[in-house]
Amino acid sequence: MGKGALLSSLGSGRVLEIVQFKVTEGADLLEAIEEGVKVSGISCGVFVSGLGALRKAVFRNLKWWPKEFPVRPEDRLYLTLEQPLELLSLSGWIAPREGSEEVEVHAHFAASTVMNDTVATLGGHLTKGTIAGIKVIVAIARLEMPNARVVSDESTRSSDIAFD
């Protein structure tokens, strides 16, 4: 399969199954996802869904494009909300690290909450510190995709997914 001029890599594979799990109330969401991936034997996948209630959310976003990479902590904003939130979605990928048995989970999420008597929706990179409330369910499509792997991206000096 070729790639277009605007694509840095392109891959395809088969969906083997959809894995769902319920996260324990009070658990760190990212750690629970990592445990679910490990217990389910997922080495490659994509998020299909994530929903439920959160007790606390930590949203990580870039404040600006850095002049040079890698992105530094001062280039990021961490917004922490410790109040009832509705987990609206999870997106991202799971892939094996190149030259390793380890798997990397890269996830983003959106959640809504009440702010100033109105509903506000926020999103960002999922980091440790986001805590599950009740009824948090995660669904991941486990893929057969042997050409997907996590590599070190020299241009951003960070890890990224690539396809051969």
C-alpha atoms as a PDB file:
ATOM      1  CA  MET A   1       0.000   0.000   0.000  1.00  0.00           C
ATOM      2  CA  GLY A   2       1.475   3.368  -1.005  1.00  0.00           C
ATOM      3  CA  LYS A   3       1.132   6.643   0.847  1.00  0.00           C
ATOM      4  CA  GLY A   4       0.140  10.097  -0.294  1.00  0.00           C
ATOM      5  CA  ALA A   5       2.399  13.152  -0.366  1.00  0.00           C
ATOM      6  CA  LEU A   6       0.770  14.538   2.792  1.00  0.00           C
ATOM      7  CA  LEU A   7       1.131  11.340   4.853  1.00  0.00           C
ATOM      8  CA  SER A   8       4.296  10.439   6.743  1.00  0.00           C
ATOM      9  CA  SER A   9       3.288   6.765   7.042  1.00  0.00           C
ATOM     10  CA  LEU A  10       0.292   4.576   6.359  1.00  0.00           C
ATOM     11  CA  GLY A  11      -0.723   1.205   7.698  1.00  0.00           C
ATOM     12  CA  SER A  12      -3.662  -1.139   7.780  1.00  0.00           C
ATOM     13  CA  GLY A  13      -4.698  -4.195   9.686  1.00  0.00           C
ATOM     14  CA  ARG A  14      -7.629  -6.221  10.913  1.00  0.00           C
ATOM     15  CA  VAL A  15      -9.838  -5.673  13.933  1.00  0.00           C
ATOM     16  CA  LEU A  16      -9.537  -8.874  15.943  1.00  0.00           C
ATOM     17  CA  GLU A  17     -11.952  -8.048  18.747  1.00  0.00           C
ATOM     18  CA  ILE A  18     -13.366  -5.275  20.876  1.00  0.00           C
ATOM     19  CA  VAL A  19     -12.172  -5.429  24.482  1.00  0.00           C
ATOM     20  CA  GLN A  20     -14.234  -3.622  27.141  1.00  0.00           C
ATOM     21  CA  PHE A  21     -13.501  -3.182  30.807  1.00  0.00           C
ATOM     22  CA  LYS A  22     -15.011  -1.350  33.731  1.00  0.00           C
ATOM     23  CA  VAL A  23     -12.652   0.797  35.782  1.00  0.00           C
ATOM     24  CA  THR A  24     -12.823   0.615  39.568  1.00  0.00           C
ATOM     25  CA  GLU A  25     -14.171   3.761  41.204  1.00  0.00           C
ATOM     26  CA  GLY A  26     -11.281   5.810  42.604  1.00  0.00           C
ATOM     27  CA  ALA A  27      -8.703   4.280  40.239  1.00  0.00           C
ATOM     28  CA  ASP A  28      -6.303   6.341  38.141  1.00  0.00           C
ATOM     29  CA  LEU A  29      -7.797   6.144  34.632  1.00  0.00           C
ATOM     30  CA  LEU A  30      -4.508   5.933  32.705  1.00  0.00           C
ATOM     31  CA  GLU A  31      -3.129   3.276  35.049  1.00  0.00           C
ATOM     32  CA  ALA A  32      -6.389   1.293  34.731  1.00  0.00           C
ATOM     33  CA  ILE A  33      -6.183   1.479  30.927  1.00  0.00           C
ATOM     34  CA  GLU A  34      -2.569   0.298  31.020  1.00  0.00           C
ATOM     35  CA  GLU A  35      -3.632  -2.607  33.269  1.00  0.00           C
ATOM     36  CA  GLY A  36      -6.568  -3.454  30.974  1.00  0.00           C
ATOM     37  CA  VAL A  37      -4.249  -3.460  27.951  1.00  0.00           C
ATOM     38  CA  LYS A  38      -1.771  -5.735  29.734  1.00  0.00           C
ATOM     39  CA  VAL A  39      -4.359  -8.159  31.149  1.00  0.00           C
ATOM     40  CA  SER A  40      -6.121  -8.375  27.756  1.00  0.00           C
ATOM     41  CA  GLY A  41      -2.878  -8.961  25.878  1.00  0.00           C
ATOM     42  CA  ILE A  42      -3.399  -5.969  23.596  1.00  0.00           C
ATOM     43  CA  SER A  43      -0.184  -5.076  21.784  1.00  0.00           C
ATOM     44  CA  CYS A  44      -1.824  -2.898  19.137  1.00  0.00           C
ATOM     45  CA  GLY A  45      -5.165  -1.118  19.232  1.00  0.00           C
ATOM     46  CA  VAL A  46      -7.260   2.008  19.054  1.00  0.00           C
ATOM     47  CA  PHE A  47      -9.777   3.440  21.491  1.00  0.00           C
ATOM     48  CA  VAL A  48     -13.362   2.942  20.447  1.00  0.00           C
ATOM     49  CA  SER A  49     -15.093   4.514  23.431  1.00  0.00           C
ATOM     50  CA  GLY A  50     -14.710   5.810  26.965  1.00  0.00           C
ATOM     51  CA  LEU A  51     -17.577   7.000  29.109  1.00  0.00           C
ATOM     52  CA  GLY A  52     -18.668   7.396  32.700  1.00  0.00           C
ATOM     53  CA  ALA A  53     -18.078   9.784  35.555  1.00  0.00           C
ATOM     54  CA  LEU A  54     -14.781  11.189  36.799  1.00  0.00           C
ATOM     55  CA  ARG A  55     -13.966  12.486  40.273  1.00  0.00           C
ATOM     56  CA  LYS A  56     -10.920  14.409  39.089  1.00  0.00           C
ATOM     57  CA  ALA A  57      -9.447  15.263  35.702  1.00  0.00           C
ATOM     58  CA  VAL A  58      -6.005  16.478  34.703  1.00  0.00           C
ATOM     59  CA  PHE A  59      -6.013  17.988  31.211  1.00  0.00           C
ATOM     60  CA  ARG A  60      -2.604  18.463  29.574  1.00  0.00           C
ATOM     61  CA  ASN A  61      -2.313  20.788  26.590  1.00  0.00           C
ATOM     62  CA  LEU A  62       0.374  22.762  24.803  1.00  0.00           C
ATOM     63  CA  LYS A  63       0.347  26.476  25.662  1.00  0.00           C
ATOM     64  CA  TRP A  64       2.305  27.330  22.506  1.00  0.00           C
ATOM     65  CA  TRP A  65       4.458  25.698  19.858  1.00  0.00           C
ATOM     66  CA  PRO A  66       7.959  25.466  21.277  1.00  0.00           C
ATOM     67  CA  LYS A  67      10.805  27.101  19.364  1.00  0.00           C
ATOM     68  CA  GLU A  68      12.738  23.853  19.699  1.00  0.00           C
ATOM     69  CA  PHE A  69      11.967  20.299  20.730  1.00  0.00           C
ATOM     70  CA  PRO A  70      11.489  18.372  22.887  1.00  0.00           C
ATOM     71  CA  VAL A  71       8.437  19.966  24.484  1.00  0.00           C
ATOM     72  CA  ARG A  72       9.346  21.120  27.993  1.00  0.00           C
ATOM     73  CA  PRO A  73       7.096  21.290  31.072  1.00  0.00           C
ATOM     74  CA  GLU A  74       6.894  25.093  30.769  1.00  0.00           C
ATOM     75  CA  ASP A  75       5.430  24.649  27.260  1.00  0.00           C
ATOM     76  CA  ARG A  76       2.435  22.824  28.729  1.00  0.00           C
ATOM     77  CA  LEU A  77      -0.596  23.729  30.779  1.00  0.00           C
ATOM     78  CA  TYR A  78      -1.935  21.224  33.299  1.00  0.00           C
ATOM     79  CA  LEU A  79      -5.501  22.049  34.294  1.00  0.00           C
ATOM     80  CA  THR A  80      -6.732  20.025  37.278  1.00  0.00           C
ATOM     81  CA  LEU A  81     -10.425  19.916  38.140  1.00  0.00           C
ATOM     82  CA  GLU A  82     -11.533  18.021  41.221  1.00  0.00           C
ATOM     83  CA  GLN A  83     -15.309  17.975  40.856  1.00  0.00           C
ATOM     84  CA  PRO A  84     -17.934  15.815  39.144  1.00  0.00           C
ATOM     85  CA  LEU A  85     -17.174  15.381  35.437  1.00  0.00           C
ATOM     86  CA  GLU A  86     -18.692  13.306  32.647  1.00  0.00           C
ATOM     87  CA  LEU A  87     -16.154  11.365  30.587  1.00  0.00           C
ATOM     88  CA  LEU A  88     -17.397  11.920  27.022  1.00  0.00           C
ATOM     89  CA  SER A  89     -14.734  10.235  24.936  1.00  0.00           C
ATOM     90  CA  LEU A  90     -11.330   8.591  24.774  1.00  0.00           C
ATOM     91  CA  SER A  91      -9.218   8.560  21.638  1.00  0.00           C
ATOM     92  CA  GLY A  92      -5.745   7.404  20.832  1.00  0.00           C
ATOM     93  CA  TRP A  93      -3.638   4.361  20.099  1.00  0.00           C
ATOM     94  CA  ILE A  94      -1.805   1.449  21.668  1.00  0.00           C
ATOM     95  CA  ALA A  95       1.319   0.121  19.941  1.00  0.00           C
ATOM     96  CA  PRO A  96       4.470  -1.879  20.710  1.00  0.00           C
ATOM     97  CA  ARG A  97       7.688   0.031  21.319  1.00  0.00           C
ATOM     98  CA  GLU A  98      10.265  -0.638  18.619  1.00  0.00           C
ATOM     99  CA  GLY A  99      12.797  -3.236  19.753  1.00  0.00           C
ATOM    100  CA  SER A 100      10.883  -3.980  22.964  1.00  0.00           C
ATOM    101  CA  GLU A 101       8.153  -6.180  24.400  1.00  0.00           C
ATOM    102  CA  GLU A 102       6.602  -3.092  26.025  1.00  0.00           C
ATOM    103  CA  VAL A 103       3.440  -1.410  24.800  1.00  0.00           C
ATOM    104  CA  GLU A 104       2.754   2.337  24.837  1.00  0.00           C
ATOM    105  CA  VAL A 105      -0.679   3.838  25.476  1.00  0.00           C
ATOM    106  CA  HIS A 106      -1.224   7.299  23.971  1.00  0.00           C
ATOM    107  CA  ALA A 107      -4.632   8.672  24.932  1.00  0.00           C
ATOM    108  CA  HIS A 108      -6.596  11.900  24.820  1.00  0.00           C
ATOM    109  CA  PHE A 109      -9.952  12.509  26.472  1.00  0.00           C
ATOM    110  CA  ALA A 110     -12.861  14.915  26.617  1.00  0.00           C
ATOM    111  CA  ALA A 111     -14.991  15.547  29.684  1.00  0.00           C
ATOM    112  CA  SER A 112     -17.751  17.963  30.601  1.00  0.00           C
ATOM    113  CA  THR A 113     -18.524  19.633  33.914  1.00  0.00           C
ATOM    114  CA  VAL A 114     -20.536  22.488  35.361  1.00  0.00           C
ATOM    115  CA  MET A 115     -18.666  25.824  35.446  1.00  0.00           C
ATOM    116  CA  ASN A 116     -20.423  29.097  36.291  1.00  0.00           C
ATOM    117  CA  ASP A 117     -23.879  27.483  36.034  1.00  0.00           C
ATOM    118  CA  THR A 118     -23.273  26.197  32.510  1.00  0.00           C
ATOM    119  CA  VAL A 119     -21.895  23.004  31.026  1.00  0.00           C
ATOM    120  CA  ALA A 120     -18.299  23.284  29.806  1.00  0.00           C
ATOM    121  CA  THR A 121     -16.435  20.661  27.797  1.00  0.00           C
ATOM    122  CA  LEU A 122     -12.667  20.331  28.015  1.00  0.00           C
ATOM    123  CA  GLY A 123     -10.161  18.005  26.438  1.00  0.00           C
ATOM    124  CA  GLY A 124      -6.503  17.165  26.418  1.00  0.00           C
ATOM    125  CA  HIS A 125      -3.845  14.526  26.767  1.00  0.00           C
ATOM    126  CA  LEU A 126      -4.668  11.859  29.381  1.00  0.00           C
ATOM    127  CA  THR A 127      -2.016  11.843  32.080  1.00  0.00           C
ATOM    128  CA  LYS A 128      -1.782  10.225  35.478  1.00  0.00           C
ATOM    129  CA  GLY A 129      -3.989  11.884  38.058  1.00  0.00           C
ATOM    130  CA  THR A 130      -7.350  11.579  36.301  1.00  0.00           C
ATOM    131  CA  ILE A 131      -9.525   9.611  38.735  1.00  0.00           C
ATOM    132  CA  ALA A 132     -12.496   7.424  37.824  1.00  0.00           C
ATOM    133  CA  GLY A 133     -15.876   8.006  39.380  1.00  0.00           C
ATOM    134  CA  ILE A 134     -18.761   5.639  38.753  1.00  0.00           C
ATOM    135  CA  LYS A 135     -19.568   3.575  35.666  1.00  0.00           C
ATOM    136  CA  VAL A 136     -16.345   4.232  33.734  1.00  0.00           C
ATOM    137  CA  ILE A 137     -16.220   1.855  30.766  1.00  0.00           C
ATOM    138  CA  VAL A 138     -13.379   1.732  28.226  1.00  0.00           C
ATOM    139  CA  ALA A 139     -13.606  -0.035  24.857  1.00  0.00           C
ATOM    140  CA  ILE A 140     -10.529  -0.791  22.753  1.00  0.00           C
ATOM    141  CA  ALA A 141     -10.364  -2.411  19.318  1.00  0.00           C
ATOM    142  CA  ARG A 142      -7.523  -4.926  19.402  1.00  0.00           C
ATOM    143  CA  LEU A 143      -5.792  -4.869  16.024  1.00  0.00           C
ATOM    144  CA  GLU A 144      -3.666  -7.249  14.040  1.00  0.00           C
ATOM    145  CA  MET A 145      -1.299  -4.683  12.583  1.00  0.00           C
ATOM    146  CA  PRO A 146       2.271  -5.957  12.456  1.00  0.00           C
ATOM    147  CA  ASN A 147       3.618  -2.795  10.789  1.00  0.00           C
ATOM    148  CA  ALA A 148       2.611  -0.452  13.675  1.00  0.00           C
ATOM    149  CA  ARG A 149       5.270   0.470  16.202  1.00  0.00           C
ATOM    150  CA  VAL A 150       6.321   3.284  18.513  1.00  0.00           C
ATOM    151  CA  VAL A 151       9.513   4.991  17.370  1.00  0.00           C
ATOM    152  CA  SER A 152      11.614   7.914  18.479  1.00  0.00           C
ATOM    153  CA  ASP A 153      10.695  10.892  16.278  1.00  0.00           C
ATOM    154  CA  GLU A 154      13.884  12.855  15.695  1.00  0.00           C
ATOM    155  CA  SER A 155      12.067  16.033  14.618  1.00  0.00           C
ATOM    156  CA  THR A 156      10.101  16.344  17.898  1.00  0.00           C
ATOM    157  CA  ARG A 157      12.510  14.321  20.060  1.00  0.00           C
ATOM    158  CA  SER A 158       9.591  12.309  21.440  1.00  0.00           C
ATOM    159  CA  SER A 159       7.922   8.970  20.828  1.00  0.00           C
ATOM    160  CA  ASP A 160       5.327   8.592  18.065  1.00  0.00           C
ATOM    161  CA  ILE A 161       3.555   5.838  16.170  1.00  0.00           C
ATOM    162  CA  ALA A 162       4.824   4.806  12.744  1.00  0.00           C
ATOM    163  CA  PHE A 163       3.778   2.274  10.122  1.00  0.00           C
ATOM    164  CA  ASP A 164       6.076   0.500   7.646  1.00  0.00           C
END
